Amino acid sequence: MKGRMSTHLGNIVIDPEVIAQYAGSEAMECFGIVGMAAVSMKDGLVKLLKKESLTRGINVTVSENKLTLDFHVIVAYGVSILAVADNLMSNIKYRVEEFTGLEIVKINIFVEGVRVID
């Protein structure tokens, strides 16, 4: 389902793919996030996604003009996962709500792996 808003000038429709792309680029700016992860259901392997395919690590659900975001992330080794998750949630909630004008009701973060940064 797409995000829809009506204004006095007309209707605005936002595709979930656009929201996922924006949220993914904002998530990569957060401290402690190495990248988005893709989980293979077939063999259970986790793969670090390239910048071009960030949206595969994010699931956007739009229901009654409210957003639910699921992030599958890989975090940096040695950082507090709780601190990274809190930082990610607060930054994404603020920035995506400002960008779209839609309310975020839930952000789920799935830490799929830990990676040492060179």
N, C-alpha and C. Protein backbone atom coordinates (compact mmCIF):
# COMPACT_ATOMS: atom_id res chain seq x y z
N MET A 1 0.84 -1.18 0.00
CA MET A 1 0.00 0.00 0.00
C MET A 1 0.89 1.24 0.00
N LYS A 2 0.45 2.26 -0.66
CA LYS A 2 1.21 3.49 -0.76
C LYS A 2 0.70 4.51 0.23
N GLY A 3 1.60 5.40 0.67
CA GLY A 3 1.21 6.48 1.55
C GLY A 3 0.45 7.54 0.75
N ARG A 4 -0.71 7.93 1.23
CA ARG A 4 -1.53 8.92 0.53
C ARG A 4 -1.86 10.07 1.46
N MET A 5 -1.78 11.28 0.90
CA MET A 5 -2.19 12.48 1.64
C MET A 5 -2.98 13.36 0.69
N SER A 6 -4.00 13.98 1.21
CA SER A 6 -4.78 14.92 0.42
C SER A 6 -4.53 16.33 0.93
N THR A 7 -4.26 17.22 0.00
CA THR A 7 -4.09 18.63 0.34
C THR A 7 -5.11 19.44 -0.45
N HIS A 8 -5.16 20.72 -0.20
CA HIS A 8 -6.11 21.56 -0.93
C HIS A 8 -5.73 21.69 -2.40
N LEU A 9 -4.50 21.34 -2.75
CA LEU A 9 -4.06 21.40 -4.14
C LEU A 9 -4.20 20.07 -4.88
N GLY A 10 -4.38 18.99 -4.15
CA GLY A 10 -4.49 17.67 -4.79
C GLY A 10 -4.00 16.57 -3.87
N ASN A 11 -3.73 15.42 -4.47
CA ASN A 11 -3.31 14.24 -3.71
C ASN A 11 -1.81 14.00 -3.87
N ILE A 12 -1.20 13.47 -2.81
CA ILE A 12 0.21 13.09 -2.81
C ILE A 12 0.27 11.60 -2.52
N VAL A 13 0.97 10.86 -3.38
CA VAL A 13 1.13 9.42 -3.20
C VAL A 13 2.62 9.11 -3.12
N ILE A 14 3.04 8.43 -2.05
CA ILE A 14 4.45 8.09 -1.84
C ILE A 14 4.60 6.57 -1.88
N ASP A 15 5.44 6.10 -2.79
CA ASP A 15 5.69 4.67 -2.92
C ASP A 15 6.58 4.19 -1.77
N PRO A 16 6.31 3.02 -1.21
CA PRO A 16 7.15 2.50 -0.12
C PRO A 16 8.62 2.34 -0.50
N GLU A 17 8.90 2.11 -1.77
CA GLU A 17 10.29 1.98 -2.24
C GLU A 17 11.05 3.29 -2.05
N VAL A 18 10.38 4.41 -2.24
CA VAL A 18 11.01 5.72 -2.04
C VAL A 18 11.33 5.93 -0.56
N ILE A 19 10.39 5.55 0.29
CA ILE A 19 10.60 5.66 1.74
C ILE A 19 11.76 4.77 2.17
N ALA A 20 11.81 3.55 1.64
CA ALA A 20 12.88 2.61 1.98
C ALA A 20 14.24 3.14 1.53
N GLN A 21 14.30 3.73 0.34
CA GLN A 21 15.56 4.27 -0.17
C GLN A 21 16.05 5.42 0.72
N TYR A 22 15.14 6.31 1.09
CA TYR A 22 15.52 7.44 1.95
C TYR A 22 15.94 6.95 3.33
N ALA A 23 15.15 6.04 3.91
CA ALA A 23 15.46 5.51 5.24
C ALA A 23 16.80 4.78 5.24
N GLY A 24 17.08 4.05 4.17
CA GLY A 24 18.35 3.33 4.07
C GLY A 24 19.54 4.27 4.00
N SER A 25 19.41 5.33 3.23
CA SER A 25 20.52 6.28 3.14
C SER A 25 20.72 7.02 4.45
N GLU A 26 19.64 7.32 5.16
CA GLU A 26 19.76 7.97 6.47
C GLU A 26 20.33 7.01 7.50
N ALA A 27 19.98 5.73 7.43
CA ALA A 27 20.48 4.74 8.38
C ALA A 27 21.99 4.57 8.23
N MET A 28 22.49 4.66 7.00
CA MET A 28 23.92 4.51 6.77
C MET A 28 24.72 5.65 7.38
N GLU A 29 24.07 6.76 7.67
CA GLU A 29 24.73 7.91 8.30
C GLU A 29 24.86 7.73 9.81
N CYS A 30 24.13 6.79 10.39
CA CYS A 30 24.13 6.60 11.84
C CYS A 30 25.40 5.89 12.30
N PHE A 31 25.91 6.33 13.45
CA PHE A 31 27.11 5.75 14.04
C PHE A 31 26.87 4.28 14.37
N GLY A 32 27.83 3.43 14.02
CA GLY A 32 27.77 2.02 14.38
C GLY A 32 27.11 1.12 13.36
N ILE A 33 26.49 1.69 12.34
CA ILE A 33 25.86 0.88 11.31
C ILE A 33 26.87 0.66 10.18
N VAL A 34 27.20 -0.60 9.92
CA VAL A 34 28.12 -0.94 8.84
C VAL A 34 27.36 -1.00 7.51
N GLY A 35 26.15 -1.54 7.56
CA GLY A 35 25.36 -1.64 6.34
C GLY A 35 24.06 -2.38 6.58
N MET A 36 23.29 -2.50 5.50
CA MET A 36 22.04 -3.25 5.53
C MET A 36 22.36 -4.71 5.20
N ALA A 37 21.52 -5.60 5.66
CA ALA A 37 21.76 -7.02 5.46
C ALA A 37 20.60 -7.65 4.70
N ALA A 38 20.93 -8.61 3.86
CA ALA A 38 19.93 -9.43 3.19
C ALA A 38 20.09 -10.84 3.73
N VAL A 39 18.98 -11.42 4.18
CA VAL A 39 19.02 -12.77 4.74
C VAL A 39 18.44 -13.72 3.70
N SER A 40 19.22 -14.73 3.35
CA SER A 40 18.76 -15.73 2.41
C SER A 40 17.91 -16.75 3.17
N MET A 41 16.65 -16.85 2.79
CA MET A 41 15.74 -17.80 3.46
C MET A 41 16.14 -19.24 3.15
N LYS A 42 16.73 -19.46 1.98
CA LYS A 42 17.08 -20.80 1.56
C LYS A 42 18.14 -21.43 2.45
N ASP A 43 19.23 -20.68 2.71
CA ASP A 43 20.32 -21.26 3.49
C ASP A 43 20.65 -20.50 4.76
N GLY A 44 19.91 -19.43 5.06
CA GLY A 44 20.10 -18.70 6.30
C GLY A 44 21.33 -17.83 6.36
N LEU A 45 21.97 -17.59 5.21
CA LEU A 45 23.17 -16.76 5.18
C LEU A 45 22.80 -15.28 5.17
N VAL A 46 23.64 -14.48 5.81
CA VAL A 46 23.45 -13.03 5.85
C VAL A 46 24.50 -12.40 4.95
N LYS A 47 24.05 -11.47 4.11
CA LYS A 47 24.95 -10.84 3.15
C LYS A 47 24.88 -9.32 3.32
N LEU A 48 26.04 -8.67 3.36
CA LEU A 48 26.12 -7.22 3.42
C LEU A 48 25.74 -6.66 2.05
N LEU A 49 24.77 -5.74 2.04
CA LEU A 49 24.28 -5.19 0.78
C LEU A 49 25.12 -3.99 0.35
N LYS A 50 25.24 -3.81 -0.96
CA LYS A 50 25.92 -2.64 -1.50
C LYS A 50 24.99 -1.45 -1.43
N LYS A 51 25.54 -0.26 -1.60
CA LYS A 51 24.76 0.98 -1.51
C LYS A 51 23.59 0.99 -2.48
N GLU A 52 23.73 0.38 -3.66
CA GLU A 52 22.68 0.40 -4.66
C GLU A 52 21.46 -0.42 -4.25
N SER A 53 21.65 -1.39 -3.38
CA SER A 53 20.54 -2.28 -3.03
C SER A 53 20.18 -2.22 -1.54
N LEU A 54 20.28 -1.03 -0.96
CA LEU A 54 19.96 -0.86 0.46
C LEU A 54 18.52 -1.23 0.78
N THR A 55 17.63 -1.01 -0.17
CA THR A 55 16.20 -1.21 0.10
C THR A 55 15.85 -2.67 0.36
N ARG A 56 16.71 -3.60 -0.04
CA ARG A 56 16.43 -5.01 0.24
C ARG A 56 16.56 -5.33 1.72
N GLY A 57 17.26 -4.48 2.47
CA GLY A 57 17.42 -4.68 3.90
C GLY A 57 16.38 -3.95 4.74
N ILE A 58 15.44 -3.30 4.06
CA ILE A 58 14.42 -2.51 4.76
C ILE A 58 13.05 -2.90 4.23
N ASN A 59 12.12 -3.12 5.16
CA ASN A 59 10.74 -3.42 4.78
C ASN A 59 9.87 -2.28 5.28
N VAL A 60 9.11 -1.67 4.39
CA VAL A 60 8.22 -0.56 4.73
C VAL A 60 6.79 -1.05 4.59
N THR A 61 6.01 -0.87 5.67
CA THR A 61 4.59 -1.21 5.65
C THR A 61 3.80 0.06 5.90
N VAL A 62 2.86 0.36 5.00
CA VAL A 62 2.01 1.53 5.15
C VAL A 62 0.60 1.04 5.44
N SER A 63 0.05 1.50 6.56
CA SER A 63 -1.30 1.13 6.95
C SER A 63 -1.99 2.37 7.50
N GLU A 64 -3.03 2.80 6.82
CA GLU A 64 -3.80 3.97 7.22
C GLU A 64 -2.89 5.19 7.40
N ASN A 65 -1.98 5.40 6.45
CA ASN A 65 -1.03 6.51 6.47
C ASN A 65 -0.12 6.53 7.69
N LYS A 66 0.14 5.36 8.23
CA LYS A 66 1.11 5.20 9.32
C LYS A 66 2.14 4.18 8.85
N LEU A 67 3.39 4.44 9.20
CA LEU A 67 4.48 3.60 8.71
C LEU A 67 5.02 2.67 9.78
N THR A 68 5.39 1.47 9.35
CA THR A 68 6.16 0.54 10.16
C THR A 68 7.39 0.20 9.35
N LEU A 69 8.58 0.37 9.94
CA LEU A 69 9.83 0.11 9.25
C LEU A 69 10.57 -1.04 9.92
N ASP A 70 11.03 -1.99 9.13
CA ASP A 70 11.86 -3.09 9.61
C ASP A 70 13.24 -2.95 8.99
N PHE A 71 14.27 -2.83 9.82
CA PHE A 71 15.65 -2.71 9.36
C PHE A 71 16.40 -3.99 9.68
N HIS A 72 17.09 -4.54 8.70
CA HIS A 72 18.00 -5.67 8.90
C HIS A 72 19.39 -5.09 8.72
N VAL A 73 20.13 -4.97 9.84
CA VAL A 73 21.40 -4.24 9.81
C VAL A 73 22.56 -5.10 10.27
N ILE A 74 23.75 -4.65 9.88
CA ILE A 74 25.00 -5.20 10.39
C ILE A 74 25.68 -4.07 11.14
N VAL A 75 26.04 -4.32 12.39
CA VAL A 75 26.63 -3.28 13.23
C VAL A 75 28.15 -3.47 13.33
N ALA A 76 28.80 -2.40 13.73
CA ALA A 76 30.26 -2.43 13.90
C ALA A 76 30.62 -3.19 15.18
N TYR A 77 31.71 -3.93 15.11
CA TYR A 77 32.21 -4.67 16.27
C TYR A 77 32.68 -3.69 17.34
N GLY A 78 32.32 -3.97 18.59
CA GLY A 78 32.82 -3.18 19.71
C GLY A 78 31.93 -2.03 20.13
N VAL A 79 30.84 -1.79 19.44
CA VAL A 79 29.93 -0.72 19.84
C VAL A 79 28.73 -1.32 20.57
N SER A 80 28.08 -0.52 21.37
CA SER A 80 26.90 -0.97 22.09
C SER A 80 25.73 -1.09 21.11
N ILE A 81 25.19 -2.29 21.00
CA ILE A 81 24.07 -2.50 20.08
C ILE A 81 22.87 -1.69 20.53
N LEU A 82 22.65 -1.59 21.83
CA LEU A 82 21.54 -0.79 22.35
C LEU A 82 21.69 0.68 21.96
N ALA A 83 22.90 1.22 22.11
CA ALA A 83 23.13 2.62 21.76
C ALA A 83 22.94 2.85 20.26
N VAL A 84 23.44 1.92 19.43
CA VAL A 84 23.28 2.05 17.98
C VAL A 84 21.81 1.98 17.60
N ALA A 85 21.07 1.05 18.20
CA ALA A 85 19.65 0.89 17.89
C ALA A 85 18.85 2.12 18.32
N ASP A 86 19.12 2.64 19.51
CA ASP A 86 18.43 3.86 19.97
C ASP A 86 18.71 5.04 19.06
N ASN A 87 19.98 5.20 18.67
CA ASN A 87 20.37 6.27 17.77
C ASN A 87 19.67 6.13 16.42
N LEU A 88 19.66 4.91 15.88
CA LEU A 88 19.01 4.66 14.60
C LEU A 88 17.52 4.96 14.67
N MET A 89 16.86 4.49 15.72
CA MET A 89 15.42 4.72 15.86
C MET A 89 15.08 6.20 15.93
N SER A 90 15.79 6.94 16.76
CA SER A 90 15.45 8.36 16.93
C SER A 90 15.76 9.15 15.65
N ASN A 91 16.90 8.88 15.00
CA ASN A 91 17.24 9.60 13.77
C ASN A 91 16.26 9.29 12.65
N ILE A 92 15.97 8.01 12.47
CA ILE A 92 15.06 7.62 11.38
C ILE A 92 13.66 8.15 11.62
N LYS A 93 13.17 8.05 12.85
CA LYS A 93 11.83 8.54 13.15
C LYS A 93 11.71 10.02 12.81
N TYR A 94 12.66 10.82 13.25
CA TYR A 94 12.62 12.26 12.99
C TYR A 94 12.73 12.56 11.49
N ARG A 95 13.75 11.99 10.84
CA ARG A 95 14.03 12.34 9.45
C ARG A 95 12.98 11.82 8.48
N VAL A 96 12.51 10.60 8.66
CA VAL A 96 11.52 10.06 7.73
C VAL A 96 10.17 10.75 7.92
N GLU A 97 9.79 11.04 9.16
CA GLU A 97 8.54 11.77 9.38
C GLU A 97 8.60 13.16 8.76
N GLU A 98 9.75 13.83 8.88
CA GLU A 98 9.91 15.15 8.25
C GLU A 98 9.87 15.04 6.73
N PHE A 99 10.47 14.01 6.18
CA PHE A 99 10.56 13.82 4.73
C PHE A 99 9.20 13.48 4.12
N THR A 100 8.45 12.58 4.77
CA THR A 100 7.21 12.09 4.17
C THR A 100 5.96 12.79 4.68
N GLY A 101 5.99 13.27 5.91
CA GLY A 101 4.78 13.82 6.51
C GLY A 101 3.88 12.74 7.07
N LEU A 102 4.34 11.47 7.04
CA LEU A 102 3.58 10.35 7.59
C LEU A 102 4.15 9.98 8.95
N GLU A 103 3.29 9.50 9.83
CA GLU A 103 3.71 9.12 11.19
C GLU A 103 4.29 7.72 11.19
N ILE A 104 5.41 7.55 11.91
CA ILE A 104 5.99 6.22 12.10
C ILE A 104 5.49 5.69 13.44
N VAL A 105 4.82 4.53 13.38
CA VAL A 105 4.30 3.95 14.62
C VAL A 105 5.24 2.91 15.21
N LYS A 106 6.08 2.30 14.36
CA LYS A 106 6.97 1.27 14.88
C LYS A 106 8.21 1.16 13.99
N ILE A 107 9.36 1.02 14.65
CA ILE A 107 10.62 0.73 13.96
C ILE A 107 11.20 -0.52 14.60
N ASN A 108 11.33 -1.57 13.80
CA ASN A 108 11.92 -2.82 14.27
C ASN A 108 13.32 -2.94 13.71
N ILE A 109 14.27 -3.26 14.57
CA ILE A 109 15.66 -3.41 14.13
C ILE A 109 16.10 -4.84 14.39
N PHE A 110 16.52 -5.50 13.33
CA PHE A 110 17.02 -6.87 13.41
C PHE A 110 18.52 -6.82 13.14
N VAL A 111 19.33 -7.09 14.16
CA VAL A 111 20.78 -7.11 14.00
C VAL A 111 21.15 -8.47 13.45
N GLU A 112 21.58 -8.49 12.20
CA GLU A 112 21.85 -9.75 11.50
C GLU A 112 23.31 -10.15 11.58
N GLY A 113 24.17 -9.23 12.03
CA GLY A 113 25.58 -9.58 12.10
C GLY A 113 26.41 -8.46 12.69
N VAL A 114 27.67 -8.80 12.96
CA VAL A 114 28.64 -7.84 13.49
C VAL A 114 29.85 -7.91 12.57
N ARG A 115 30.39 -6.75 12.25
CA ARG A 115 31.52 -6.72 11.33
C ARG A 115 32.60 -5.80 11.88
N VAL A 116 33.85 -6.21 11.75
CA VAL A 116 34.98 -5.38 12.17
C VAL A 116 35.23 -4.36 11.07
N ILE A 117 35.35 -3.09 11.48
CA ILE A 117 35.62 -2.02 10.52
C ILE A 117 37.13 -1.82 10.44
N ASP A 118 37.65 -1.79 9.23
CA ASP A 118 39.10 -1.61 9.02
C ASP A 118 39.49 -0.18 9.22
